[in-house]
Amino acid sequence: MSDDQTPRMAKVEPLRKALPCPECKRPSAREHYPFCSDRCRNLDLSRWLKGSYAIPVAEDESKADEDDYR
């Protein structure tokens, strides 16, 4: 190292640009990606656990296929 005692700082480029948080639209944080905070991450997890994020399923798959062709 040099004689002076100041540390040298390297410039680190982020791997990807900060996207907006899916919950509150603030810029996402690296520690909580893709969310901005632990609060927003827990809100999303709560929705998953309650079943709010569900894909609708047809009762009878053969009827669902027939409806697509009409």
PDB file of N, CA and C in Angstrom:
ATOM      1  N   MET A   1       0.835  -1.167   0.000  1.00  0.00           N
ATOM      2  CA  MET A   1       0.000   0.000   0.000  1.00  0.00           C
ATOM      3  C   MET A   1       0.880   1.230   0.000  1.00  0.00           C
ATOM      4  N   SER A   2       0.317   2.367  -0.300  1.00  0.00           N
ATOM      5  CA  SER A   2       1.108   3.591  -0.352  1.00  0.00           C
ATOM      6  C   SER A   2       1.380   4.110   1.058  1.00  0.00           C
ATOM      7  N   ASP A   3       2.193   5.164   1.128  1.00  0.00           N
ATOM      8  CA  ASP A   3       2.567   5.733   2.421  1.00  0.00           C
ATOM      9  C   ASP A   3       1.396   6.410   3.127  1.00  0.00           C
ATOM     10  N   ASP A   4       0.478   7.008   2.357  1.00  0.00           N
ATOM     11  CA  ASP A   4      -0.658   7.662   3.027  1.00  0.00           C
ATOM     12  C   ASP A   4      -1.630   6.598   3.540  1.00  0.00           C
ATOM     13  N   GLN A   5      -2.375   6.907   4.566  1.00  0.00           N
ATOM     14  CA  GLN A   5      -3.232   5.943   5.233  1.00  0.00           C
ATOM     15  C   GLN A   5      -4.684   5.968   4.740  1.00  0.00           C
ATOM     16  N   THR A   6      -4.988   6.641   3.638  1.00  0.00           N
ATOM     17  CA  THR A   6      -6.365   6.673   3.136  1.00  0.00           C
ATOM     18  C   THR A   6      -6.646   5.402   2.342  1.00  0.00           C
ATOM     19  N   PRO A   7      -7.719   4.720   2.675  1.00  0.00           N
ATOM     20  CA  PRO A   7      -8.054   3.496   1.931  1.00  0.00           C
ATOM     21  C   PRO A   7      -8.556   3.839   0.532  1.00  0.00           C
ATOM     22  N   ARG A   8      -8.302   2.990  -0.406  1.00  0.00           N
ATOM     23  CA  ARG A   8      -8.758   3.184  -1.783  1.00  0.00           C
ATOM     24  C   ARG A   8     -10.097   2.453  -1.943  1.00  0.00           C
ATOM     25  N   MET A   9     -11.058   3.174  -2.505  1.00  0.00           N
ATOM     26  CA  MET A   9     -12.389   2.605  -2.690  1.00  0.00           C
ATOM     27  C   MET A   9     -12.592   2.272  -4.165  1.00  0.00           C
ATOM     28  N   ALA A  10     -13.009   1.076  -4.438  1.00  0.00           N
ATOM     29  CA  ALA A  10     -13.286   0.658  -5.808  1.00  0.00           C
ATOM     30  C   ALA A  10     -14.737   0.997  -6.132  1.00  0.00           C
ATOM     31  N   LYS A  11     -14.987   1.388  -7.365  1.00  0.00           N
ATOM     32  CA  LYS A  11     -16.349   1.662  -7.793  1.00  0.00           C
ATOM     33  C   LYS A  11     -16.981   0.350  -8.232  1.00  0.00           C
ATOM     34  N   VAL A  12     -18.089  -0.003  -7.608  1.00  0.00           N
ATOM     35  CA  VAL A  12     -18.774  -1.254  -7.902  1.00  0.00           C
ATOM     36  C   VAL A  12     -20.070  -0.926  -8.629  1.00  0.00           C
ATOM     37  N   GLU A  13     -20.237  -1.488  -9.794  1.00  0.00           N
ATOM     38  CA  GLU A  13     -21.454  -1.291 -10.576  1.00  0.00           C
ATOM     39  C   GLU A  13     -22.496  -2.326 -10.146  1.00  0.00           C
ATOM     40  N   PRO A  14     -23.761  -1.932  -9.996  1.00  0.00           N
ATOM     41  CA  PRO A  14     -24.794  -2.913  -9.652  1.00  0.00           C
ATOM     42  C   PRO A  14     -24.991  -3.901 -10.788  1.00  0.00           C
ATOM     43  N   LEU A  15     -25.384  -5.126 -10.447  1.00  0.00           N
ATOM     44  CA  LEU A  15     -25.594  -6.161 -11.448  1.00  0.00           C
ATOM     45  C   LEU A  15     -26.815  -5.879 -12.317  1.00  0.00           C
ATOM     46  N   ARG A  16     -27.827  -5.296 -11.735  1.00  0.00           N
ATOM     47  CA  ARG A  16     -29.033  -4.940 -12.480  1.00  0.00           C
ATOM     48  C   ARG A  16     -29.579  -3.637 -11.933  1.00  0.00           C
ATOM     49  N   LYS A  17     -30.344  -2.917 -12.751  1.00  0.00           N
ATOM     50  CA  LYS A  17     -30.888  -1.657 -12.274  1.00  0.00           C
ATOM     51  C   LYS A  17     -32.001  -1.923 -11.274  1.00  0.00           C
ATOM     52  N   ALA A  18     -32.189  -0.988 -10.379  1.00  0.00           N
ATOM     53  CA  ALA A  18     -33.206  -1.132  -9.348  1.00  0.00           C
ATOM     54  C   ALA A  18     -34.585  -1.006  -9.981  1.00  0.00           C
ATOM     55  N   LEU A  19     -35.387  -2.034  -9.835  1.00  0.00           N
ATOM     56  CA  LEU A  19     -36.753  -2.026 -10.331  1.00  0.00           C
ATOM     57  C   LEU A  19     -37.676  -1.532  -9.231  1.00  0.00           C
ATOM     58  N   PRO A  20     -38.850  -1.047  -9.589  1.00  0.00           N
ATOM     59  CA  PRO A  20     -39.771  -0.620  -8.538  1.00  0.00           C
ATOM     60  C   PRO A  20     -40.294  -1.810  -7.738  1.00  0.00           C
ATOM     61  N   CYS A  21     -40.502  -1.582  -6.470  1.00  0.00           N
ATOM     62  CA  CYS A  21     -41.045  -2.595  -5.570  1.00  0.00           C
ATOM     63  C   CYS A  21     -42.450  -2.960  -6.043  1.00  0.00           C
ATOM     64  N   PRO A  22     -42.790  -4.251  -6.116  1.00  0.00           N
ATOM     65  CA  PRO A  22     -44.129  -4.648  -6.553  1.00  0.00           C
ATOM     66  C   PRO A  22     -45.241  -4.195  -5.606  1.00  0.00           C
ATOM     67  N   GLU A  23     -44.906  -3.896  -4.371  1.00  0.00           N
ATOM     68  CA  GLU A  23     -45.904  -3.472  -3.386  1.00  0.00           C
ATOM     69  C   GLU A  23     -46.141  -1.968  -3.385  1.00  0.00           C
ATOM     70  N   CYS A  24     -45.073  -1.185  -3.272  1.00  0.00           N
ATOM     71  CA  CYS A  24     -45.231   0.267  -3.065  1.00  0.00           C
ATOM     72  C   CYS A  24     -44.616   1.114  -4.168  1.00  0.00           C
ATOM     73  N   LYS A  25     -43.953   0.499  -5.125  1.00  0.00           N
ATOM     74  CA  LYS A  25     -43.364   1.164  -6.299  1.00  0.00           C
ATOM     75  C   LYS A  25     -42.124   2.003  -5.992  1.00  0.00           C
ATOM     76  N   ARG A  26     -41.588   1.936  -4.772  1.00  0.00           N
ATOM     77  CA  ARG A  26     -40.302   2.591  -4.488  1.00  0.00           C
ATOM     78  C   ARG A  26     -39.189   1.742  -5.082  1.00  0.00           C
ATOM     79  N   PRO A  27     -37.994   2.299  -5.295  1.00  0.00           N
ATOM     80  CA  PRO A  27     -36.886   1.494  -5.849  1.00  0.00           C
ATOM     81  C   PRO A  27     -36.555   0.315  -4.934  1.00  0.00           C
ATOM     82  N   SER A  28     -36.285  -0.826  -5.534  1.00  0.00           N
ATOM     83  CA  SER A  28     -35.979  -2.021  -4.753  1.00  0.00           C
ATOM     84  C   SER A  28     -34.611  -1.896  -4.093  1.00  0.00           C
ATOM     85  N   ALA A  29     -34.437  -2.631  -3.011  1.00  0.00           N
ATOM     86  CA  ALA A  29     -33.172  -2.642  -2.275  1.00  0.00           C
ATOM     87  C   ALA A  29     -32.485  -3.980  -2.499  1.00  0.00           C
ATOM     88  N   ARG A  30     -31.187  -3.971  -2.540  1.00  0.00           N
ATOM     89  CA  ARG A  30     -30.420  -5.188  -2.807  1.00  0.00           C
ATOM     90  C   ARG A  30     -30.681  -6.277  -1.766  1.00  0.00           C
ATOM     91  N   GLU A  31     -30.813  -5.874  -0.506  1.00  0.00           N
ATOM     92  CA  GLU A  31     -31.006  -6.849   0.575  1.00  0.00           C
ATOM     93  C   GLU A  31     -32.375  -7.530   0.518  1.00  0.00           C
ATOM     94  N   HIS A  32     -33.364  -6.854  -0.081  1.00  0.00           N
ATOM     95  CA  HIS A  32     -34.734  -7.362  -0.076  1.00  0.00           C
ATOM     96  C   HIS A  32     -35.272  -7.588  -1.484  1.00  0.00           C
ATOM     97  N   TYR A  33     -34.408  -7.672  -2.485  1.00  0.00           N
ATOM     98  CA  TYR A  33     -34.818  -7.727  -3.886  1.00  0.00           C
ATOM     99  C   TYR A  33     -35.851  -8.806  -4.136  1.00  0.00           C
ATOM    100  N   PRO A  34     -36.905  -8.557  -4.854  1.00  0.00           N
ATOM    101  CA  PRO A  34     -37.256  -7.373  -5.647  1.00  0.00           C
ATOM    102  C   PRO A  34     -38.031  -6.320  -4.867  1.00  0.00           C
ATOM    103  N   PHE A  35     -38.095  -6.458  -3.551  1.00  0.00           N
ATOM    104  CA  PHE A  35     -38.837  -5.509  -2.725  1.00  0.00           C
ATOM    105  C   PHE A  35     -37.910  -4.423  -2.194  1.00  0.00           C
ATOM    106  N   CYS A  36     -38.524  -3.362  -1.631  1.00  0.00           N
ATOM    107  CA  CYS A  36     -37.726  -2.258  -1.103  1.00  0.00           C
ATOM    108  C   CYS A  36     -37.417  -2.439   0.375  1.00  0.00           C
ATOM    109  N   SER A  37     -38.217  -3.247   1.068  1.00  0.00           N
ATOM    110  CA  SER A  37     -38.027  -3.405   2.510  1.00  0.00           C
ATOM    111  C   SER A  37     -38.553  -4.765   2.967  1.00  0.00           C
ATOM    112  N   ASP A  38     -38.243  -5.086   4.193  1.00  0.00           N
ATOM    113  CA  ASP A  38     -38.722  -6.328   4.786  1.00  0.00           C
ATOM    114  C   ASP A  38     -40.241  -6.288   4.934  1.00  0.00           C
ATOM    115  N   ARG A  39     -40.789  -5.118   5.201  1.00  0.00           N
ATOM    116  CA  ARG A  39     -42.236  -4.959   5.339  1.00  0.00           C
ATOM    117  C   ARG A  39     -42.954  -5.367   4.050  1.00  0.00           C
ATOM    118  N   CYS A  40     -42.493  -4.849   2.906  1.00  0.00           N
ATOM    119  CA  CYS A  40     -43.128  -5.185   1.626  1.00  0.00           C
ATOM    120  C   CYS A  40     -42.959  -6.656   1.294  1.00  0.00           C
ATOM    121  N   ARG A  41     -41.815  -7.220   1.623  1.00  0.00           N
ATOM    122  CA  ARG A  41     -41.591  -8.646   1.377  1.00  0.00           C
ATOM    123  C   ARG A  41     -42.561  -9.494   2.197  1.00  0.00           C
ATOM    124  N   ASN A  42     -42.776  -9.119   3.462  1.00  0.00           N
ATOM    125  CA  ASN A  42     -43.688  -9.862   4.323  1.00  0.00           C
ATOM    126  C   ASN A  42     -45.148  -9.705   3.892  1.00  0.00           C
ATOM    127  N   LEU A  43     -45.529  -8.541   3.370  1.00  0.00           N
ATOM    128  CA  LEU A  43     -46.884  -8.364   2.854  1.00  0.00           C
ATOM    129  C   LEU A  43     -47.143  -9.325   1.694  1.00  0.00           C
ATOM    130  N   ASP A  44     -46.177  -9.438   0.795  1.00  0.00           N
ATOM    131  CA  ASP A  44     -46.316 -10.336  -0.345  1.00  0.00           C
ATOM    132  C   ASP A  44     -46.367 -11.794   0.113  1.00  0.00           C
ATOM    133  N   LEU A  45     -45.513 -12.162   1.043  1.00  0.00           N
ATOM    134  CA  LEU A  45     -45.515 -13.523   1.574  1.00  0.00           C
ATOM    135  C   LEU A  45     -46.851 -13.846   2.223  1.00  0.00           C
ATOM    136  N   SER A  46     -47.410 -12.901   2.946  1.00  0.00           N
ATOM    137  CA  SER A  46     -48.709 -13.097   3.583  1.00  0.00           C
ATOM    138  C   SER A  46     -49.792 -13.385   2.549  1.00  0.00           C
ATOM    139  N   ARG A  47     -49.767 -12.676   1.431  1.00  0.00           N
ATOM    140  CA  ARG A  47     -50.746 -12.934   0.371  1.00  0.00           C
ATOM    141  C   ARG A  47     -50.588 -14.344  -0.201  1.00  0.00           C
ATOM    142  N   TRP A  48     -49.341 -14.782  -0.380  1.00  0.00           N
ATOM    143  CA  TRP A  48     -49.102 -16.144  -0.877  1.00  0.00           C
ATOM    144  C   TRP A  48     -49.651 -17.172   0.104  1.00  0.00           C
ATOM    145  N   LEU A  49     -49.376 -16.986   1.385  1.00  0.00           N
ATOM    146  CA  LEU A  49     -49.793 -17.966   2.390  1.00  0.00           C
ATOM    147  C   LEU A  49     -51.307 -18.014   2.565  1.00  0.00           C
ATOM    148  N   LYS A  50     -51.987 -16.889   2.353  1.00  0.00           N
ATOM    149  CA  LYS A  50     -53.447 -16.852   2.455  1.00  0.00           C
ATOM    150  C   LYS A  50     -54.126 -17.403   1.204  1.00  0.00           C
ATOM    151  N   GLY A  51     -53.369 -17.602   0.123  1.00  0.00           N
ATOM    152  CA  GLY A  51     -53.945 -18.123  -1.113  1.00  0.00           C
ATOM    153  C   GLY A  51     -54.502 -17.048  -2.029  1.00  0.00           C
ATOM    154  N   SER A  52     -54.128 -15.805  -1.815  1.00  0.00           N
ATOM    155  CA  SER A  52     -54.620 -14.720  -2.668  1.00  0.00           C
ATOM    156  C   SER A  52     -54.092 -14.834  -4.085  1.00  0.00           C
ATOM    157  N   TYR A  53     -52.900 -15.374  -4.241  1.00  0.00           N
ATOM    158  CA  TYR A  53     -52.321 -15.566  -5.564  1.00  0.00           C
ATOM    159  C   TYR A  53     -52.647 -16.988  -6.002  1.00  0.00           C
ATOM    160  N   ALA A  54     -53.691 -17.156  -6.779  1.00  0.00           N
ATOM    161  CA  ALA A  54     -54.093 -18.484  -7.221  1.00  0.00           C
ATOM    162  C   ALA A  54     -54.468 -18.434  -8.695  1.00  0.00           C
ATOM    163  N   ILE A  55     -54.193 -19.500  -9.398  1.00  0.00           N
ATOM    164  CA  ILE A  55     -54.558 -19.620 -10.795  1.00  0.00           C
ATOM    165  C   ILE A  55     -55.916 -20.303 -10.849  1.00  0.00           C
ATOM    166  N   PRO A  56     -56.905 -19.674 -11.498  1.00  0.00           N
ATOM    167  CA  PRO A  56     -58.220 -20.314 -11.561  1.00  0.00           C
ATOM    168  C   PRO A  56     -58.172 -21.604 -12.368  1.00  0.00           C
ATOM    169  N   VAL A  57     -58.883 -22.611 -11.899  1.00  0.00           N
ATOM    170  CA  VAL A  57     -58.884 -23.928 -12.530  1.00  0.00           C
ATOM    171  C   VAL A  57     -60.318 -24.280 -12.916  1.00  0.00           C
ATOM    172  N   ALA A  58     -60.488 -24.820 -14.111  1.00  0.00           N
ATOM    173  CA  ALA A  58     -61.811 -25.262 -14.564  1.00  0.00           C
ATOM    174  C   ALA A  58     -62.184 -26.552 -13.851  1.00  0.00           C
ATOM    175  N   GLU A  59     -63.460 -26.711 -13.545  1.00  0.00           N
ATOM    176  CA  GLU A  59     -63.934 -27.927 -12.882  1.00  0.00           C
ATOM    177  C   GLU A  59     -63.676 -29.156 -13.743  1.00  0.00           C
ATOM    178  N   ASP A  60     -64.043 -29.089 -15.022  1.00  0.00           N
ATOM    179  CA  ASP A  60     -63.885 -30.215 -15.930  1.00  0.00           C
ATOM    180  C   ASP A  60     -62.966 -29.770 -17.072  1.00  0.00           C
ATOM    181  N   GLU A  61     -61.796 -30.334 -17.152  1.00  0.00           N
ATOM    182  CA  GLU A  61     -60.805 -29.916 -18.146  1.00  0.00           C
ATOM    183  C   GLU A  61     -61.291 -30.090 -19.576  1.00  0.00           C
ATOM    184  N   SER A  62     -62.115 -31.113 -19.857  1.00  0.00           N
ATOM    185  CA  SER A  62     -62.599 -31.318 -21.224  1.00  0.00           C
ATOM    186  C   SER A  62     -63.533 -30.187 -21.637  1.00  0.00           C
ATOM    187  N   LYS A  63     -64.328 -29.671 -20.720  1.00  0.00           N
ATOM    188  CA  LYS A  63     -65.192 -28.525 -21.019  1.00  0.00           C
ATOM    189  C   LYS A  63     -64.366 -27.264 -21.252  1.00  0.00           C
ATOM    190  N   ALA A  64     -63.300 -27.111 -20.536  1.00  0.00           N
ATOM    191  CA  ALA A  64     -62.441 -25.939 -20.705  1.00  0.00           C
ATOM    192  C   ALA A  64     -61.826 -25.931 -22.096  1.00  0.00           C
ATOM    193  N   ASP A  65     -61.426 -27.108 -22.613  1.00  0.00           N
ATOM    194  CA  ASP A  65     -60.859 -27.189 -23.955  1.00  0.00           C
ATOM    195  C   ASP A  65     -61.911 -26.866 -25.020  1.00  0.00           C
ATOM    196  N   GLU A  66     -63.152 -27.310 -24.834  1.00  0.00           N
ATOM    197  CA  GLU A  66     -64.220 -27.034 -25.790  1.00  0.00           C
ATOM    198  C   GLU A  66     -64.540 -25.538 -25.856  1.00  0.00           C
ATOM    199  N   ASP A  67     -64.477 -24.868 -24.721  1.00  0.00           N
ATOM    200  CA  ASP A  67     -64.773 -23.440 -24.675  1.00  0.00           C
ATOM    201  C   ASP A  67     -63.736 -22.638 -25.457  1.00  0.00           C
ATOM    202  N   ASP A  68     -62.513 -23.114 -25.529  1.00  0.00           N
ATOM    203  CA  ASP A  68     -61.451 -22.392 -26.243  1.00  0.00           C
ATOM    204  C   ASP A  68     -61.692 -22.358 -27.741  1.00  0.00           C
ATOM    205  N   TYR A  69     -62.398 -23.354 -28.284  1.00  0.00           N
ATOM    206  CA  TYR A  69     -62.569 -23.448 -29.736  1.00  0.00           C
ATOM    207  C   TYR A  69     -63.853 -22.788 -30.227  1.00  0.00           C
ATOM    208  N   ARG A  70     -64.647 -22.252 -29.366  1.00  0.00           N
ATOM    209  CA  ARG A  70     -65.909 -21.623 -29.780  1.00  0.00           C
ATOM    210  C   ARG A  70     -65.704 -20.190 -30.141  1.00  0.00           C
TER     211      ARG A  70
END
